Amino acid sequence: MNEADENRVAARLARFMTMLCVRNTQLETLHAGLTPFTRTGDHSDVFVEDADGRRIPWSEVSRIDDAEMRQLMHEIVNRL
């Protein structure tokens, strides 16, 4: 098999593995929430207010906590 064929096979395998091992995981649940509206297009006008009253710019908000990330990585590793 020549190098071009190997690269094609590798690319196809990577897409298949991504579809089978990452799609329909906890990632879909994390992605299912509401997306905030932005007038600027870059979300610089979007803030999150937490329970302590802190106003956090959207660009600085962590959108996945450690427990969710750990669960997601375990699920993907197990599928792989």
PDB file of N, CA and C in Angstrom:
ATOM      1  N   MET A   1       0.859  -1.177   0.000  1.00  0.00           N
ATOM      2  CA  MET A   1       0.000   0.000   0.000  1.00  0.00           C
ATOM      3  C   MET A   1       0.900   1.234   0.000  1.00  0.00           C
ATOM      4  N   ASN A   2       0.602   2.178  -0.867  1.00  0.00           N
ATOM      5  CA  ASN A   2       1.434   3.383  -0.916  1.00  0.00           C
ATOM      6  C   ASN A   2       1.023   4.378   0.169  1.00  0.00           C
ATOM      7  N   GLU A   3       1.823   5.408   0.349  1.00  0.00           N
ATOM      8  CA  GLU A   3       1.607   6.379   1.429  1.00  0.00           C
ATOM      9  C   GLU A   3       0.276   7.120   1.292  1.00  0.00           C
ATOM     10  N   ALA A   4      -0.110   7.458   0.077  1.00  0.00           N
ATOM     11  CA  ALA A   4      -1.391   8.161  -0.137  1.00  0.00           C
ATOM     12  C   ALA A   4      -2.564   7.285   0.288  1.00  0.00           C
ATOM     13  N   ASP A   5      -2.503   6.003  -0.039  1.00  0.00           N
ATOM     14  CA  ASP A   5      -3.562   5.073   0.381  1.00  0.00           C
ATOM     15  C   ASP A   5      -3.592   4.929   1.894  1.00  0.00           C
ATOM     16  N   GLU A   6      -2.425   4.830   2.519  1.00  0.00           N
ATOM     17  CA  GLU A   6      -2.348   4.726   3.981  1.00  0.00           C
ATOM     18  C   GLU A   6      -2.968   5.961   4.640  1.00  0.00           C
ATOM     19  N   ASN A   7      -2.667   7.129   4.103  1.00  0.00           N
ATOM     20  CA  ASN A   7      -3.224   8.369   4.648  1.00  0.00           C
ATOM     21  C   ASN A   7      -4.742   8.414   4.504  1.00  0.00           C
ATOM     22  N   ARG A   8      -5.248   7.949   3.365  1.00  0.00           N
ATOM     23  CA  ARG A   8      -6.705   7.898   3.156  1.00  0.00           C
ATOM     24  C   ARG A   8      -7.368   6.945   4.147  1.00  0.00           C
ATOM     25  N   VAL A   9      -6.759   5.765   4.337  1.00  0.00           N
ATOM     26  CA  VAL A   9      -7.301   4.783   5.279  1.00  0.00           C
ATOM     27  C   VAL A   9      -7.256   5.341   6.702  1.00  0.00           C
ATOM     28  N   ALA A  10      -6.149   5.962   7.067  1.00  0.00           N
ATOM     29  CA  ALA A  10      -6.005   6.527   8.414  1.00  0.00           C
ATOM     30  C   ALA A  10      -7.039   7.627   8.656  1.00  0.00           C
ATOM     31  N   ALA A  11      -7.252   8.477   7.672  1.00  0.00           N
ATOM     32  CA  ALA A  11      -8.229   9.558   7.818  1.00  0.00           C
ATOM     33  C   ALA A  11      -9.639   8.999   7.971  1.00  0.00           C
ATOM     34  N   ARG A  12      -9.953   7.996   7.182  1.00  0.00           N
ATOM     35  CA  ARG A  12     -11.281   7.380   7.263  1.00  0.00           C
ATOM     36  C   ARG A  12     -11.485   6.694   8.610  1.00  0.00           C
ATOM     37  N   LEU A  13     -10.450   5.985   9.085  1.00  0.00           N
ATOM     38  CA  LEU A  13     -10.513   5.329  10.389  1.00  0.00           C
ATOM     39  C   LEU A  13     -10.699   6.359  11.499  1.00  0.00           C
ATOM     40  N   ALA A  14      -9.986   7.476  11.426  1.00  0.00           N
ATOM     41  CA  ALA A  14     -10.113   8.527  12.443  1.00  0.00           C
ATOM     42  C   ALA A  14     -11.539   9.076  12.479  1.00  0.00           C
ATOM     43  N   ARG A  15     -12.138   9.310  11.307  1.00  0.00           N
ATOM     44  CA  ARG A  15     -13.519   9.806  11.270  1.00  0.00           C
ATOM     45  C   ARG A  15     -14.494   8.775  11.840  1.00  0.00           C
ATOM     46  N   PHE A  16     -14.288   7.517  11.508  1.00  0.00           N
ATOM     47  CA  PHE A  16     -15.145   6.446  12.032  1.00  0.00           C
ATOM     48  C   PHE A  16     -15.039   6.340  13.548  1.00  0.00           C
ATOM     49  N   MET A  17     -13.802   6.344  14.057  1.00  0.00           N
ATOM     50  CA  MET A  17     -13.601   6.236  15.503  1.00  0.00           C
ATOM     51  C   MET A  17     -14.200   7.425  16.236  1.00  0.00           C
ATOM     52  N   THR A  18     -14.069   8.615  15.661  1.00  0.00           N
ATOM     53  CA  THR A  18     -14.659   9.797  16.269  1.00  0.00           C
ATOM     54  C   THR A  18     -16.177   9.646  16.338  1.00  0.00           C
ATOM     55  N   MET A  19     -16.778   9.210  15.234  1.00  0.00           N
ATOM     56  CA  MET A  19     -18.220   9.048  15.203  1.00  0.00           C
ATOM     57  C   MET A  19     -18.672   8.010  16.235  1.00  0.00           C
ATOM     58  N   LEU A  20     -17.979   6.889  16.301  1.00  0.00           N
ATOM     59  CA  LEU A  20     -18.394   5.800  17.182  1.00  0.00           C
ATOM     60  C   LEU A  20     -18.051   6.032  18.648  1.00  0.00           C
ATOM     61  N   CYS A  21     -16.946   6.726  18.913  1.00  0.00           N
ATOM     62  CA  CYS A  21     -16.445   6.820  20.281  1.00  0.00           C
ATOM     63  C   CYS A  21     -16.700   8.164  20.958  1.00  0.00           C
ATOM     64  N   VAL A  22     -16.999   9.199  20.202  1.00  0.00           N
ATOM     65  CA  VAL A  22     -17.191  10.514  20.803  1.00  0.00           C
ATOM     66  C   VAL A  22     -18.629  10.986  20.671  1.00  0.00           C
ATOM     67  N   ARG A  23     -19.229  10.778  19.496  1.00  0.00           N
ATOM     68  CA  ARG A  23     -20.619  11.170  19.325  1.00  0.00           C
ATOM     69  C   ARG A  23     -21.507  10.324  20.240  1.00  0.00           C
ATOM     70  N   ASN A  24     -22.623  10.894  20.643  1.00  0.00           N
ATOM     71  CA  ASN A  24     -23.587  10.209  21.520  1.00  0.00           C
ATOM     72  C   ASN A  24     -22.977   9.815  22.857  1.00  0.00           C
ATOM     73  N   THR A  25     -22.073  10.642  23.363  1.00  0.00           N
ATOM     74  CA  THR A  25     -21.514  10.453  24.694  1.00  0.00           C
ATOM     75  C   THR A  25     -22.033  11.585  25.574  1.00  0.00           C
ATOM     76  N   GLN A  26     -21.459  11.725  26.744  1.00  0.00           N
ATOM     77  CA  GLN A  26     -21.781  12.806  27.667  1.00  0.00           C
ATOM     78  C   GLN A  26     -21.583  14.170  26.986  1.00  0.00           C
ATOM     79  N   LEU A  27     -20.752  14.220  25.972  1.00  0.00           N
ATOM     80  CA  LEU A  27     -20.521  15.462  25.236  1.00  0.00           C
ATOM     81  C   LEU A  27     -21.822  16.005  24.656  1.00  0.00           C
ATOM     82  N   GLU A  28     -22.688  15.139  24.176  1.00  0.00           N
ATOM     83  CA  GLU A  28     -23.976  15.572  23.632  1.00  0.00           C
ATOM     84  C   GLU A  28     -24.832  16.230  24.714  1.00  0.00           C
ATOM     85  N   THR A  29     -24.789  15.704  25.931  1.00  0.00           N
ATOM     86  CA  THR A  29     -25.537  16.290  27.048  1.00  0.00           C
ATOM     87  C   THR A  29     -25.007  17.675  27.373  1.00  0.00           C
ATOM     88  N   LEU A  30     -23.679  17.815  27.383  1.00  0.00           N
ATOM     89  CA  LEU A  30     -23.080  19.116  27.681  1.00  0.00           C
ATOM     90  C   LEU A  30     -23.406  20.134  26.591  1.00  0.00           C
ATOM     91  N   HIS A  31     -23.542  19.676  25.380  1.00  0.00           N
ATOM     92  CA  HIS A  31     -23.806  20.547  24.239  1.00  0.00           C
ATOM     93  C   HIS A  31     -25.288  20.926  24.144  1.00  0.00           C
ATOM     94  N   ALA A  32     -26.153  20.262  24.879  1.00  0.00           N
ATOM     95  CA  ALA A  32     -27.595  20.409  24.730  1.00  0.00           C
ATOM     96  C   ALA A  32     -28.179  21.664  25.376  1.00  0.00           C
ATOM     97  N   GLY A  33     -27.404  22.406  26.134  1.00  0.00           N
ATOM     98  CA  GLY A  33     -27.937  23.576  26.825  1.00  0.00           C
ATOM     99  C   GLY A  33     -28.226  24.746  25.899  1.00  0.00           C
ATOM    100  N   LEU A  34     -28.690  25.827  26.495  1.00  0.00           N
ATOM    101  CA  LEU A  34     -28.987  27.044  25.750  1.00  0.00           C
ATOM    102  C   LEU A  34     -27.687  27.779  25.421  1.00  0.00           C
ATOM    103  N   THR A  35     -27.638  28.368  24.252  1.00  0.00           N
ATOM    104  CA  THR A  35     -26.502  29.192  23.863  1.00  0.00           C
ATOM    105  C   THR A  35     -26.908  30.647  24.025  1.00  0.00           C
ATOM    106  N   PRO A  36     -26.108  31.450  24.724  1.00  0.00           N
ATOM    107  CA  PRO A  36     -26.498  32.845  24.937  1.00  0.00           C
ATOM    108  C   PRO A  36     -26.455  33.657  23.644  1.00  0.00           C
ATOM    109  N   PHE A  37     -27.362  34.600  23.553  1.00  0.00           N
ATOM    110  CA  PHE A  37     -27.424  35.499  22.403  1.00  0.00           C
ATOM    111  C   PHE A  37     -26.359  36.580  22.556  1.00  0.00           C
ATOM    112  N   THR A  38     -25.720  36.939  21.467  1.00  0.00           N
ATOM    113  CA  THR A  38     -24.720  38.001  21.476  1.00  0.00           C
ATOM    114  C   THR A  38     -25.005  38.970  20.340  1.00  0.00           C
ATOM    115  N   ARG A  39     -24.957  40.253  20.640  1.00  0.00           N
ATOM    116  CA  ARG A  39     -25.140  41.270  19.598  1.00  0.00           C
ATOM    117  C   ARG A  39     -23.812  41.582  18.900  1.00  0.00           C
ATOM    118  N   THR A  40     -22.698  41.377  19.601  1.00  0.00           N
ATOM    119  CA  THR A  40     -21.383  41.709  19.034  1.00  0.00           C
ATOM    120  C   THR A  40     -20.846  40.603  18.144  1.00  0.00           C
ATOM    121  N   GLY A  41     -21.364  39.387  18.318  1.00  0.00           N
ATOM    122  CA  GLY A  41     -20.895  38.258  17.521  1.00  0.00           C
ATOM    123  C   GLY A  41     -19.725  37.517  18.142  1.00  0.00           C
ATOM    124  N   ASP A  42     -19.038  38.157  19.095  1.00  0.00           N
ATOM    125  CA  ASP A  42     -17.888  37.502  19.731  1.00  0.00           C
ATOM    126  C   ASP A  42     -18.140  37.198  21.209  1.00  0.00           C
ATOM    127  N   HIS A  43     -19.368  37.373  21.663  1.00  0.00           N
ATOM    128  CA  HIS A  43     -19.810  37.129  23.045  1.00  0.00           C
ATOM    129  C   HIS A  43     -19.162  38.060  24.070  1.00  0.00           C
ATOM    130  N   SER A  44     -18.519  39.151  23.619  1.00  0.00           N
ATOM    131  CA  SER A  44     -17.929  40.098  24.576  1.00  0.00           C
ATOM    132  C   SER A  44     -19.010  40.853  25.348  1.00  0.00           C
ATOM    133  N   ASP A  45     -20.252  40.774  24.899  1.00  0.00           N
ATOM    134  CA  ASP A  45     -21.372  41.434  25.568  1.00  0.00           C
ATOM    135  C   ASP A  45     -22.171  40.469  26.451  1.00  0.00           C
ATOM    136  N   VAL A  46     -21.663  39.256  26.655  1.00  0.00           N
ATOM    137  CA  VAL A  46     -22.371  38.235  27.432  1.00  0.00           C
ATOM    138  C   VAL A  46     -21.623  38.000  28.746  1.00  0.00           C
ATOM    139  N   PHE A  47     -22.385  37.976  29.846  1.00  0.00           N
ATOM    140  CA  PHE A  47     -21.818  37.735  31.172  1.00  0.00           C
ATOM    141  C   PHE A  47     -22.652  36.694  31.893  1.00  0.00           C
ATOM    142  N   VAL A  48     -22.023  35.979  32.812  1.00  0.00           N
ATOM    143  CA  VAL A  48     -22.720  35.026  33.671  1.00  0.00           C
ATOM    144  C   VAL A  48     -22.612  35.557  35.089  1.00  0.00           C
ATOM    145  N   GLU A  49     -23.739  35.599  35.785  1.00  0.00           N
ATOM    146  CA  GLU A  49     -23.715  36.024  37.184  1.00  0.00           C
ATOM    147  C   GLU A  49     -23.868  34.783  38.049  1.00  0.00           C
ATOM    148  N   ASP A  50     -22.893  34.561  38.950  1.00  0.00           N
ATOM    149  CA  ASP A  50     -22.966  33.373  39.798  1.00  0.00           C
ATOM    150  C   ASP A  50     -23.685  33.672  41.110  1.00  0.00           C
ATOM    151  N   ALA A  51     -23.780  32.675  41.957  1.00  0.00           N
ATOM    152  CA  ALA A  51     -24.536  32.787  43.209  1.00  0.00           C
ATOM    153  C   ALA A  51     -23.927  33.807  44.174  1.00  0.00           C
ATOM    154  N   ASP A  52     -22.654  34.130  44.020  1.00  0.00           N
ATOM    155  CA  ASP A  52     -22.012  35.140  44.870  1.00  0.00           C
ATOM    156  C   ASP A  52     -22.130  36.538  44.271  1.00  0.00           C
ATOM    157  N   GLY A  53     -22.808  36.655  43.117  1.00  0.00           N
ATOM    158  CA  GLY A  53     -22.997  37.947  42.491  1.00  0.00           C
ATOM    159  C   GLY A  53     -21.849  38.367  41.580  1.00  0.00           C
ATOM    160  N   ARG A  54     -20.895  37.465  41.371  1.00  0.00           N
ATOM    161  CA  ARG A  54     -19.783  37.800  40.460  1.00  0.00           C
ATOM    162  C   ARG A  54     -20.296  37.821  39.031  1.00  0.00           C
ATOM    163  N   ARG A  55     -19.901  38.828  38.263  1.00  0.00           N
ATOM    164  CA  ARG A  55     -20.251  38.945  36.846  1.00  0.00           C
ATOM    165  C   ARG A  55     -19.038  38.486  36.051  1.00  0.00           C
ATOM    166  N   ILE A  56     -19.150  37.329  35.419  1.00  0.00           N
ATOM    167  CA  ILE A  56     -18.010  36.716  34.738  1.00  0.00           C
ATOM    168  C   ILE A  56     -18.210  36.843  33.233  1.00  0.00           C
ATOM    169  N   PRO A  57     -17.216  37.417  32.517  1.00  0.00           N
ATOM    170  CA  PRO A  57     -17.329  37.493  31.054  1.00  0.00           C
ATOM    171  C   PRO A  57     -17.411  36.093  30.456  1.00  0.00           C
ATOM    172  N   TRP A  58     -18.210  35.945  29.411  1.00  0.00           N
ATOM    173  CA  TRP A  58     -18.432  34.636  28.779  1.00  0.00           C
ATOM    174  C   TRP A  58     -17.119  33.974  28.381  1.00  0.00           C
ATOM    175  N   SER A  59     -16.158  34.752  27.910  1.00  0.00           N
ATOM    176  CA  SER A  59     -14.883  34.187  27.467  1.00  0.00           C
ATOM    177  C   SER A  59     -14.079  33.585  28.617  1.00  0.00           C
ATOM    178  N   GLU A  60     -14.426  33.925  29.861  1.00  0.00           N
ATOM    179  CA  GLU A  60     -13.706  33.412  31.025  1.00  0.00           C
ATOM    180  C   GLU A  60     -14.480  32.333  31.785  1.00  0.00           C
ATOM    181  N   VAL A  61     -15.697  32.033  31.353  1.00  0.00           N
ATOM    182  CA  VAL A  61     -16.533  31.046  32.044  1.00  0.00           C
ATOM    183  C   VAL A  61     -16.083  29.639  31.662  1.00  0.00           C
ATOM    184  N   SER A  62     -15.865  28.799  32.672  1.00  0.00           N
ATOM    185  CA  SER A  62     -15.601  27.389  32.404  1.00  0.00           C
ATOM    186  C   SER A  62     -16.930  26.739  32.090  1.00  0.00           C
ATOM    187  N   ARG A  63     -17.019  26.092  30.940  1.00  0.00           N
ATOM    188  CA  ARG A  63     -18.285  25.524  30.518  1.00  0.00           C
ATOM    189  C   ARG A  63     -18.410  24.040  30.844  1.00  0.00           C
ATOM    190  N   ILE A  64     -17.342  23.460  31.402  1.00  0.00           N
ATOM    191  CA  ILE A  64     -17.366  22.056  31.810  1.00  0.00           C
ATOM    192  C   ILE A  64     -16.534  21.939  33.084  1.00  0.00           C
ATOM    193  N   ASP A  65     -17.111  21.330  34.100  1.00  0.00           N
ATOM    194  CA  ASP A  65     -16.359  21.211  35.354  1.00  0.00           C
ATOM    195  C   ASP A  65     -15.514  19.933  35.355  1.00  0.00           C
ATOM    196  N   ASP A  66     -14.680  19.782  36.377  1.00  0.00           N
ATOM    197  CA  ASP A  66     -13.752  18.648  36.432  1.00  0.00           C
ATOM    198  C   ASP A  66     -14.469  17.298  36.425  1.00  0.00           C
ATOM    199  N   ALA A  67     -15.568  17.198  37.155  1.00  0.00           N
ATOM    200  CA  ALA A  67     -16.298  15.929  37.224  1.00  0.00           C
ATOM    201  C   ALA A  67     -16.895  15.566  35.861  1.00  0.00           C
ATOM    202  N   GLU A  68     -17.446  16.556  35.161  1.00  0.00           N
ATOM    203  CA  GLU A  68     -18.014  16.304  33.830  1.00  0.00           C
ATOM    204  C   GLU A  68     -16.914  15.891  32.845  1.00  0.00           C
ATOM    205  N   MET A  69     -15.760  16.556  32.922  1.00  0.00           N
ATOM    206  CA  MET A  69     -14.652  16.232  32.027  1.00  0.00           C
ATOM    207  C   MET A  69     -14.149  14.817  32.294  1.00  0.00           C
ATOM    208  N   ARG A  70     -14.016  14.466  33.560  1.00  0.00           N
ATOM    209  CA  ARG A  70     -13.564  13.123  33.939  1.00  0.00           C
ATOM    210  C   ARG A  70     -14.535  12.061  33.413  1.00  0.00           C
ATOM    211  N   GLN A  71     -15.833  12.302  33.601  1.00  0.00           N
ATOM    212  CA  GLN A  71     -16.851  11.362  33.126  1.00  0.00           C
ATOM    213  C   GLN A  71     -16.797  11.221  31.604  1.00  0.00           C
ATOM    214  N   LEU A  72     -16.660  12.339  30.903  1.00  0.00           N
ATOM    215  CA  LEU A  72     -16.578  12.325  29.447  1.00  0.00           C
ATOM    216  C   LEU A  72     -15.349  11.542  28.986  1.00  0.00           C
ATOM    217  N   MET A  73     -14.189  11.801  29.581  1.00  0.00           N
ATOM    218  CA  MET A  73     -12.960  11.116  29.172  1.00  0.00           C
ATOM    219  C   MET A  73     -13.037   9.613  29.445  1.00  0.00           C
ATOM    220  N   HIS A  74     -13.614   9.230  30.584  1.00  0.00           N
ATOM    221  CA  HIS A  74     -13.792   7.792  30.884  1.00  0.00           C
ATOM    222  C   HIS A  74     -14.673   7.119  29.833  1.00  0.00           C
ATOM    223  N   GLU A  75     -15.760   7.786  29.484  1.00  0.00           N
ATOM    224  CA  GLU A  75     -16.679   7.223  28.503  1.00  0.00           C
ATOM    225  C   GLU A  75     -16.001   7.061  27.136  1.00  0.00           C
ATOM    226  N   ILE A  76     -15.246   8.072  26.715  1.00  0.00           N
ATOM    227  CA  ILE A  76     -14.553   7.977  25.421  1.00  0.00           C
ATOM    228  C   ILE A  76     -13.475   6.903  25.454  1.00  0.00           C
ATOM    229  N   VAL A  77     -12.690   6.859  26.531  1.00  0.00           N
ATOM    230  CA  VAL A  77     -11.635   5.836  26.644  1.00  0.00           C
ATOM    231  C   VAL A  77     -12.250   4.448  26.615  1.00  0.00           C
ATOM    232  N   ASN A  78     -13.331   4.236  27.324  1.00  0.00           N
ATOM    233  CA  ASN A  78     -13.979   2.927  27.336  1.00  0.00           C
ATOM    234  C   ASN A  78     -14.484   2.533  25.945  1.00  0.00           C
ATOM    235  N   ARG A  79     -14.976   3.488  25.189  1.00  0.00           N
ATOM    236  CA  ARG A  79     -15.449   3.191  23.838  1.00  0.00           C
ATOM    237  C   ARG A  79     -14.286   2.893  22.895  1.00  0.00           C
ATOM    238  N   LEU A  80     -13.172   3.605  23.102  1.00  0.00           N
ATOM    239  CA  LEU A  80     -12.004   3.343  22.258  1.00  0.00           C
ATOM    240  C   LEU A  80     -11.412   1.990  22.568  1.00  0.00           C
TER     241      LEU A  80
END
